[in-house]
């Protein structure tokens, strides 16, 4: 299975995890997904009144410089780890 196919499978698996991950793990999943699918963060950081948007942007922006393939592999590994938890 190619990396892209494994990534697609991990996306599907992420919707059926045995339990909901904590917020920090959810932010990590989000950041890795965005980095893998869109590359480095773009746009302006949301203002302080948008706490959720700001946290999501920061999680994505923290991965700046990570290649799409590396982000895909980290995403796949994280979802696999959460499936086995």
PDB file of N, CA and C in Angstrom:
ATOM      1  N   UNK A   1       0.847  -1.181   0.000  1.00  0.00           N
ATOM      2  CA  UNK A   1       0.000   0.000   0.000  1.00  0.00           C
ATOM      3  C   UNK A   1       0.893   1.246   0.000  1.00  0.00           C
ATOM      4  N   UNK A   2       0.565   2.209  -0.842  1.00  0.00           N
ATOM      5  CA  UNK A   2       1.368   3.430  -0.917  1.00  0.00           C
ATOM      6  C   UNK A   2       1.130   4.304   0.311  1.00  0.00           C
ATOM      7  N   UNK A   3       2.017   5.277   0.494  1.00  0.00           N
ATOM      8  CA  UNK A   3       1.894   6.192   1.629  1.00  0.00           C
ATOM      9  C   UNK A   3       0.560   6.935   1.577  1.00  0.00           C
ATOM     10  N   UNK A   4       0.168   7.381   0.370  1.00  0.00           N
ATOM     11  CA  UNK A   4      -1.096   8.108   0.214  1.00  0.00           C
ATOM     12  C   UNK A   4      -2.286   7.212   0.579  1.00  0.00           C
ATOM     13  N   UNK A   5      -2.218   5.925   0.216  1.00  0.00           N
ATOM     14  CA  UNK A   5      -3.302   5.004   0.549  1.00  0.00           C
ATOM     15  C   UNK A   5      -3.344   4.742   2.058  1.00  0.00           C
ATOM     16  N   UNK A   6      -2.169   4.616   2.670  1.00  0.00           N
ATOM     17  CA  UNK A   6      -2.109   4.428   4.121  1.00  0.00           C
ATOM     18  C   UNK A   6      -2.666   5.662   4.838  1.00  0.00           C
ATOM     19  N   UNK A   7      -2.361   6.850   4.298  1.00  0.00           N
ATOM     20  CA  UNK A   7      -2.845   8.107   4.869  1.00  0.00           C
ATOM     21  C   UNK A   7      -4.373   8.164   4.786  1.00  0.00           C
ATOM     22  N   UNK A   8      -4.910   7.788   3.632  1.00  0.00           N
ATOM     23  CA  UNK A   8      -6.367   7.775   3.452  1.00  0.00           C
ATOM     24  C   UNK A   8      -7.018   6.783   4.420  1.00  0.00           C
ATOM     25  N   UNK A   9      -6.390   5.622   4.605  1.00  0.00           N
ATOM     26  CA  UNK A   9      -6.917   4.623   5.534  1.00  0.00           C
ATOM     27  C   UNK A   9      -6.869   5.147   6.972  1.00  0.00           C
ATOM     28  N   UNK A  10      -5.777   5.827   7.324  1.00  0.00           N
ATOM     29  CA  UNK A  10      -5.644   6.390   8.669  1.00  0.00           C
ATOM     30  C   UNK A  10      -6.717   7.451   8.923  1.00  0.00           C
ATOM     31  N   UNK A  11      -7.051   8.232   7.878  1.00  0.00           N
ATOM     32  CA  UNK A  11      -8.117   9.230   8.020  1.00  0.00           C
ATOM     33  C   UNK A  11      -9.437   8.541   8.351  1.00  0.00           C
ATOM     34  N   UNK A  12      -9.728   7.454   7.640  1.00  0.00           N
ATOM     35  CA  UNK A  12     -10.959   6.705   7.895  1.00  0.00           C
ATOM     36  C   UNK A  12     -10.925   6.105   9.306  1.00  0.00           C
ATOM     37  N   UNK A  13      -9.773   5.549   9.674  1.00  0.00           N
ATOM     38  CA  UNK A  13      -9.633   4.936  10.997  1.00  0.00           C
ATOM     39  C   UNK A  13      -9.783   5.961  12.120  1.00  0.00           C
ATOM     40  N   UNK A  14      -9.384   7.200  11.866  1.00  0.00           N
ATOM     41  CA  UNK A  14      -9.437   8.229  12.907  1.00  0.00           C
ATOM     42  C   UNK A  14     -10.869   8.522  13.355  1.00  0.00           C
ATOM     43  N   UNK A  15     -11.828   8.199  12.510  1.00  0.00           N
ATOM     44  CA  UNK A  15     -13.234   8.445  12.841  1.00  0.00           C
ATOM     45  C   UNK A  15     -13.816   7.314  13.695  1.00  0.00           C
ATOM     46  N   UNK A  16     -13.069   6.213  13.842  1.00  0.00           N
ATOM     47  CA  UNK A  16     -13.568   5.046  14.573  1.00  0.00           C
ATOM     48  C   UNK A  16     -12.623   4.607  15.690  1.00  0.00           C
ATOM     49  N   UNK A  17     -11.986   5.561  16.327  1.00  0.00           N
ATOM     50  CA  UNK A  17     -11.067   5.230  17.416  1.00  0.00           C
ATOM     51  C   UNK A  17     -11.856   4.708  18.613  1.00  0.00           C
ATOM     52  N   UNK A  18     -11.242   3.814  19.414  1.00  0.00           N
ATOM     53  CA  UNK A  18     -11.962   3.245  20.565  1.00  0.00           C
ATOM     54  C   UNK A  18     -12.405   4.298  21.582  1.00  0.00           C
ATOM     55  N   UNK A  19     -11.629   5.370  21.733  1.00  0.00           N
ATOM     56  CA  UNK A  19     -12.047   6.465  22.615  1.00  0.00           C
ATOM     57  C   UNK A  19     -11.557   7.792  22.052  1.00  0.00           C
ATOM     58  N   UNK A  20     -12.259   8.863  22.427  1.00  0.00           N
ATOM     59  CA  UNK A  20     -11.907  10.189  21.918  1.00  0.00           C
ATOM     60  C   UNK A  20     -10.578  10.633  22.534  1.00  0.00           C
ATOM     61  N   UNK A  21      -9.611  11.024  21.670  1.00  0.00           N
ATOM     62  CA  UNK A  21      -8.325  11.500  22.199  1.00  0.00           C
ATOM     63  C   UNK A  21      -8.490  12.804  22.982  1.00  0.00           C
ATOM     64  N   UNK A  22      -7.520  13.103  23.854  1.00  0.00           N
ATOM     65  CA  UNK A  22      -7.564  14.368  24.583  1.00  0.00           C
ATOM     66  C   UNK A  22      -7.309  15.527  23.610  1.00  0.00           C
ATOM     67  N   UNK A  23      -7.559  16.741  24.066  1.00  0.00           N
ATOM     68  CA  UNK A  23      -7.466  17.911  23.188  1.00  0.00           C
ATOM     69  C   UNK A  23      -6.079  18.110  22.583  1.00  0.00           C
ATOM     70  N   UNK A  24      -5.024  17.862  23.358  1.00  0.00           N
ATOM     71  CA  UNK A  24      -3.666  18.039  22.830  1.00  0.00           C
ATOM     72  C   UNK A  24      -3.396  17.046  21.701  1.00  0.00           C
ATOM     73  N   UNK A  25      -3.881  15.821  21.856  1.00  0.00           N
ATOM     74  CA  UNK A  25      -3.702  14.810  20.808  1.00  0.00           C
ATOM     75  C   UNK A  25      -4.533  15.179  19.583  1.00  0.00           C
ATOM     76  N   UNK A  26      -5.743  15.680  19.807  1.00  0.00           N
ATOM     77  CA  UNK A  26      -6.577  16.117  18.684  1.00  0.00           C
ATOM     78  C   UNK A  26      -5.895  17.238  17.908  1.00  0.00           C
ATOM     79  N   UNK A  27      -5.250  18.163  18.614  1.00  0.00           N
ATOM     80  CA  UNK A  27      -4.535  19.247  17.942  1.00  0.00           C
ATOM     81  C   UNK A  27      -3.360  18.694  17.137  1.00  0.00           C
ATOM     82  N   UNK A  28      -2.680  17.700  17.678  1.00  0.00           N
ATOM     83  CA  UNK A  28      -1.565  17.082  16.960  1.00  0.00           C
ATOM     84  C   UNK A  28      -2.062  16.392  15.686  1.00  0.00           C
ATOM     85  N   UNK A  29      -3.183  15.680  15.804  1.00  0.00           N
ATOM     86  CA  UNK A  29      -3.784  15.023  14.644  1.00  0.00           C
ATOM     87  C   UNK A  29      -4.140  16.065  13.593  1.00  0.00           C
ATOM     88  N   UNK A  30      -4.778  17.148  14.026  1.00  0.00           N
ATOM     89  CA  UNK A  30      -5.172  18.216  13.105  1.00  0.00           C
ATOM     90  C   UNK A  30      -3.954  18.814  12.403  1.00  0.00           C
ATOM     91  N   UNK A  31      -2.924  19.160  13.188  1.00  0.00           N
ATOM     92  CA  UNK A  31      -1.727  19.771  12.622  1.00  0.00           C
ATOM     93  C   UNK A  31      -1.049  18.871  11.605  1.00  0.00           C
ATOM     94  N   UNK A  32      -0.925  17.591  11.939  1.00  0.00           N
ATOM     95  CA  UNK A  32      -0.295  16.639  11.009  1.00  0.00           C
ATOM     96  C   UNK A  32      -1.132  16.479   9.745  1.00  0.00           C
ATOM     97  N   UNK A  33      -2.456  16.426   9.897  1.00  0.00           N
ATOM     98  CA  UNK A  33      -3.331  16.306   8.730  1.00  0.00           C
ATOM     99  C   UNK A  33      -3.173  17.513   7.802  1.00  0.00           C
ATOM    100  N   UNK A  34      -3.221  18.708   8.389  1.00  0.00           N
ATOM    101  CA  UNK A  34      -3.097  19.926   7.579  1.00  0.00           C
ATOM    102  C   UNK A  34      -1.728  20.008   6.904  1.00  0.00           C
ATOM    103  N   UNK A  35      -0.665  19.661   7.624  1.00  0.00           N
ATOM    104  CA  UNK A  35       0.682  19.711   7.061  1.00  0.00           C
ATOM    105  C   UNK A  35       0.796  18.707   5.908  1.00  0.00           C
ATOM    106  N   UNK A  36       0.241  17.511   6.101  1.00  0.00           N
ATOM    107  CA  UNK A  36       0.312  16.465   5.077  1.00  0.00           C
ATOM    108  C   UNK A  36      -0.522  16.820   3.850  1.00  0.00           C
ATOM    109  N   UNK A  37      -1.664  17.459   4.059  1.00  0.00           N
ATOM    110  CA  UNK A  37      -2.553  17.739   2.933  1.00  0.00           C
ATOM    111  C   UNK A  37      -2.331  19.109   2.295  1.00  0.00           C
ATOM    112  N   UNK A  38      -1.843  20.090   3.063  1.00  0.00           N
ATOM    113  CA  UNK A  38      -1.729  21.459   2.542  1.00  0.00           C
ATOM    114  C   UNK A  38      -0.334  22.062   2.596  1.00  0.00           C
ATOM    115  N   UNK A  39       0.597  21.408   3.289  1.00  0.00           N
ATOM    116  CA  UNK A  39       1.935  21.982   3.433  1.00  0.00           C
ATOM    117  C   UNK A  39       1.972  22.976   4.581  1.00  0.00           C
ATOM    118  N   UNK A  40       2.964  23.859   4.561  1.00  0.00           N
ATOM    119  CA  UNK A  40       3.147  24.823   5.647  1.00  0.00           C
ATOM    120  C   UNK A  40       1.923  25.717   5.833  1.00  0.00           C
ATOM    121  N   UNK A  41       1.715  26.129   7.077  1.00  0.00           N
ATOM    122  CA  UNK A  41       0.570  26.974   7.422  1.00  0.00           C
ATOM    123  C   UNK A  41       0.594  28.270   6.624  1.00  0.00           C
ATOM    124  N   UNK A  42      -0.593  28.684   6.211  1.00  0.00           N
ATOM    125  CA  UNK A  42      -0.734  29.929   5.454  1.00  0.00           C
ATOM    126  C   UNK A  42      -1.810  30.778   6.118  1.00  0.00           C
ATOM    127  N   UNK A  43      -1.850  32.038   5.744  1.00  0.00           N
ATOM    128  CA  UNK A  43      -2.856  32.929   6.288  1.00  0.00           C
ATOM    129  C   UNK A  43      -2.419  33.521   7.611  1.00  0.00           C
ATOM    130  N   UNK A  44      -3.284  34.342   8.160  1.00  0.00           N
ATOM    131  CA  UNK A  44      -2.971  34.997   9.424  1.00  0.00           C
ATOM    132  C   UNK A  44      -3.444  34.153  10.597  1.00  0.00           C
ATOM    133  N   UNK A  45      -2.719  34.268  11.699  1.00  0.00           N
ATOM    134  CA  UNK A  45      -3.092  33.582  12.932  1.00  0.00           C
ATOM    135  C   UNK A  45      -4.369  34.217  13.459  1.00  0.00           C
ATOM    136  N   UNK A  46      -5.376  33.411  13.805  1.00  0.00           N
ATOM    137  CA  UNK A  46      -6.622  33.975  14.344  1.00  0.00           C
ATOM    138  C   UNK A  46      -6.368  34.796  15.604  1.00  0.00           C
ATOM    139  N   UNK A  47      -7.239  35.747  15.844  1.00  0.00           N
ATOM    140  CA  UNK A  47      -7.116  36.622  17.006  1.00  0.00           C
ATOM    141  C   UNK A  47      -7.387  35.885  18.309  1.00  0.00           C
ATOM    142  N   UNK A  48      -7.099  36.569  19.422  1.00  0.00           N
ATOM    143  CA  UNK A  48      -7.223  35.925  20.738  1.00  0.00           C
ATOM    144  C   UNK A  48      -8.661  35.588  21.102  1.00  0.00           C
ATOM    145  N   UNK A  49      -9.646  36.153  20.416  1.00  0.00           N
ATOM    146  CA  UNK A  49     -11.042  35.824  20.714  1.00  0.00           C
ATOM    147  C   UNK A  49     -11.445  34.476  20.120  1.00  0.00           C
ATOM    148  N   UNK A  50     -10.674  33.991  19.141  1.00  0.00           N
ATOM    149  CA  UNK A  50     -10.934  32.688  18.522  1.00  0.00           C
ATOM    150  C   UNK A  50      -9.935  31.679  19.074  1.00  0.00           C
ATOM    151  N   UNK A  51     -10.189  31.237  20.305  1.00  0.00           N
ATOM    152  CA  UNK A  51      -9.244  30.350  21.000  1.00  0.00           C
ATOM    153  C   UNK A  51      -9.020  29.034  20.259  1.00  0.00           C
ATOM    154  N   UNK A  52     -10.091  28.424  19.766  1.00  0.00           N
ATOM    155  CA  UNK A  52      -9.981  27.133  19.083  1.00  0.00           C
ATOM    156  C   UNK A  52      -9.223  27.297  17.769  1.00  0.00           C
ATOM    157  N   UNK A  53      -9.609  28.298  16.986  1.00  0.00           N
ATOM    158  CA  UNK A  53      -8.931  28.549  15.712  1.00  0.00           C
ATOM    159  C   UNK A  53      -7.450  28.846  15.906  1.00  0.00           C
ATOM    160  N   UNK A  54      -7.158  29.589  16.953  1.00  0.00           N
ATOM    161  CA  UNK A  54      -5.770  29.940  17.255  1.00  0.00           C
ATOM    162  C   UNK A  54      -4.959  28.700  17.641  1.00  0.00           C
ATOM    163  N   UNK A  55      -5.536  27.834  18.466  1.00  0.00           N
ATOM    164  CA  UNK A  55      -4.854  26.604  18.877  1.00  0.00           C
ATOM    165  C   UNK A  55      -4.619  25.696  17.679  1.00  0.00           C
ATOM    166  N   UNK A  56      -5.608  25.592  16.801  1.00  0.00           N
ATOM    167  CA  UNK A  56      -5.457  24.753  15.608  1.00  0.00           C
ATOM    168  C   UNK A  56      -4.373  25.314  14.686  1.00  0.00           C
ATOM    169  N   UNK A  57      -4.391  26.625  14.496  1.00  0.00           N
ATOM    170  CA  UNK A  57      -3.378  27.248  13.647  1.00  0.00           C
ATOM    171  C   UNK A  57      -1.979  27.024  14.225  1.00  0.00           C
ATOM    172  N   UNK A  58      -1.840  27.203  15.541  1.00  0.00           N
ATOM    173  CA  UNK A  58      -0.538  27.014  16.193  1.00  0.00           C
ATOM    174  C   UNK A  58      -0.046  25.577  16.064  1.00  0.00           C
ATOM    175  N   UNK A  59      -0.967  24.607  16.168  1.00  0.00           N
ATOM    176  CA  UNK A  59      -0.591  23.191  16.026  1.00  0.00           C
ATOM    177  C   UNK A  59      -0.064  22.929  14.613  1.00  0.00           C
ATOM    178  N   UNK A  60      -0.714  23.521  13.617  1.00  0.00           N
ATOM    179  CA  UNK A  60      -0.299  23.354  12.222  1.00  0.00           C
ATOM    180  C   UNK A  60       1.005  24.104  11.974  1.00  0.00           C
ATOM    181  N   UNK A  61       1.076  25.343  12.437  1.00  0.00           N
ATOM    182  CA  UNK A  61       2.252  26.182  12.207  1.00  0.00           C
ATOM    183  C   UNK A  61       3.499  25.593  12.883  1.00  0.00           C
ATOM    184  N   UNK A  62       3.306  24.873  13.969  1.00  0.00           N
ATOM    185  CA  UNK A  62       4.424  24.256  14.671  1.00  0.00           C
ATOM    186  C   UNK A  62       5.124  23.173  13.865  1.00  0.00           C
ATOM    187  N   UNK A  63       4.497  22.736  12.796  1.00  0.00           N
ATOM    188  CA  UNK A  63       5.074  21.692  11.939  1.00  0.00           C
ATOM    189  C   UNK A  63       5.729  22.269  10.688  1.00  0.00           C
ATOM    190  N   UNK A  64       5.854  23.582  10.648  1.00  0.00           N
ATOM    191  CA  UNK A  64       6.438  24.253   9.479  1.00  0.00           C
ATOM    192  C   UNK A  64       7.785  23.613   9.127  1.00  0.00           C
ATOM    193  N   UNK A  65       7.975  23.335   7.839  1.00  0.00           N
ATOM    194  CA  UNK A  65       9.223  22.740   7.373  1.00  0.00           C
ATOM    195  C   UNK A  65       9.183  21.217   7.311  1.00  0.00           C
ATOM    196  N   UNK A  66       8.152  20.607   7.921  1.00  0.00           N
ATOM    197  CA  UNK A  66       8.002  19.152   7.841  1.00  0.00           C
ATOM    198  C   UNK A  66       7.474  18.805   6.454  1.00  0.00           C
ATOM    199  N   UNK A  67       8.096  17.833   5.799  1.00  0.00           N
ATOM    200  CA  UNK A  67       7.644  17.454   4.453  1.00  0.00           C
ATOM    201  C   UNK A  67       6.263  16.807   4.531  1.00  0.00           C
ATOM    202  N   UNK A  68       5.547  16.855   3.412  1.00  0.00           N
ATOM    203  CA  UNK A  68       4.220  16.247   3.377  1.00  0.00           C
ATOM    204  C   UNK A  68       4.304  14.753   3.662  1.00  0.00           C
ATOM    205  N   UNK A  69       5.316  14.083   3.094  1.00  0.00           N
ATOM    206  CA  UNK A  69       5.468  12.640   3.318  1.00  0.00           C
ATOM    207  C   UNK A  69       5.749  12.326   4.782  1.00  0.00           C
ATOM    208  N   UNK A  70       6.608  13.127   5.409  1.00  0.00           N
ATOM    209  CA  UNK A  70       6.930  12.914   6.825  1.00  0.00           C
ATOM    210  C   UNK A  70       5.699  13.148   7.689  1.00  0.00           C
ATOM    211  N   UNK A  71       4.925  14.196   7.375  1.00  0.00           N
ATOM    212  CA  UNK A  71       3.697  14.481   8.127  1.00  0.00           C
ATOM    213  C   UNK A  71       2.688  13.349   7.947  1.00  0.00           C
ATOM    214  N   UNK A  72       2.587  12.807   6.726  1.00  0.00           N
ATOM    215  CA  UNK A  72       1.681  11.676   6.481  1.00  0.00           C
ATOM    216  C   UNK A  72       2.086  10.484   7.339  1.00  0.00           C
ATOM    217  N   UNK A  73       3.388  10.181   7.375  1.00  0.00           N
ATOM    218  CA  UNK A  73       3.868   9.028   8.143  1.00  0.00           C
ATOM    219  C   UNK A  73       3.616   9.223   9.634  1.00  0.00           C
ATOM    220  N   UNK A  74       3.855  10.431  10.136  1.00  0.00           N
ATOM    221  CA  UNK A  74       3.606  10.710  11.560  1.00  0.00           C
ATOM    222  C   UNK A  74       2.117  10.576  11.884  1.00  0.00           C
ATOM    223  N   UNK A  75       1.265  11.049  10.964  1.00  0.00           N
ATOM    224  CA  UNK A  75      -0.188  10.953  11.135  1.00  0.00           C
ATOM    225  C   UNK A  75      -0.601   9.478  11.196  1.00  0.00           C
ATOM    226  N   UNK A  76      -0.102   8.689  10.249  1.00  0.00           N
ATOM    227  CA  UNK A  76      -0.417   7.257  10.193  1.00  0.00           C
ATOM    228  C   UNK A  76       0.017   6.577  11.491  1.00  0.00           C
ATOM    229  N   UNK A  77       1.257   6.857  11.926  1.00  0.00           N
ATOM    230  CA  UNK A  77       1.783   6.249  13.150  1.00  0.00           C
ATOM    231  C   UNK A  77       0.946   6.625  14.372  1.00  0.00           C
ATOM    232  N   UNK A  78       0.539   7.885  14.455  1.00  0.00           N
ATOM    233  CA  UNK A  78      -0.251   8.355  15.606  1.00  0.00           C
ATOM    234  C   UNK A  78      -1.615   7.672  15.639  1.00  0.00           C
ATOM    235  N   UNK A  79      -2.278   7.583  14.495  1.00  0.00           N
ATOM    236  CA  UNK A  79      -3.600   6.942  14.443  1.00  0.00           C
ATOM    237  C   UNK A  79      -3.473   5.462  14.801  1.00  0.00           C
ATOM    238  N   UNK A  80      -2.438   4.804  14.307  1.00  0.00           N
ATOM    239  CA  UNK A  80      -2.212   3.383  14.643  1.00  0.00           C
ATOM    240  C   UNK A  80      -2.015   3.211  16.155  1.00  0.00           C
ATOM    241  N   UNK A  81      -1.259   4.120  16.740  1.00  0.00           N
ATOM    242  CA  UNK A  81      -1.007   4.086  18.183  1.00  0.00           C
ATOM    243  C   UNK A  81      -2.319   4.260  18.956  1.00  0.00           C
ATOM    244  N   UNK A  82      -3.164   5.173  18.491  1.00  0.00           N
ATOM    245  CA  UNK A  82      -4.439   5.434  19.177  1.00  0.00           C
ATOM    246  C   UNK A  82      -5.429   4.281  18.990  1.00  0.00           C
ATOM    247  N   UNK A  83      -5.355   3.598  17.842  1.00  0.00           N
ATOM    248  CA  UNK A  83      -6.235   2.442  17.597  1.00  0.00           C
ATOM    249  C   UNK A  83      -5.921   1.318  18.573  1.00  0.00           C
ATOM    250  N   UNK A  84      -4.658   1.166  18.915  1.00  0.00           N
ATOM    251  CA  UNK A  84      -4.218   0.076  19.785  1.00  0.00           C
ATOM    252  C   UNK A  84      -4.335   0.400  21.266  1.00  0.00           C
ATOM    253  N   UNK A  85      -4.708   1.639  21.564  1.00  0.00           N
ATOM    254  CA  UNK A  85      -4.769   2.072  22.984  1.00  0.00           C
ATOM    255  C   UNK A  85      -5.932   1.440  23.716  1.00  0.00           C
TER     256      UNK A  85
END
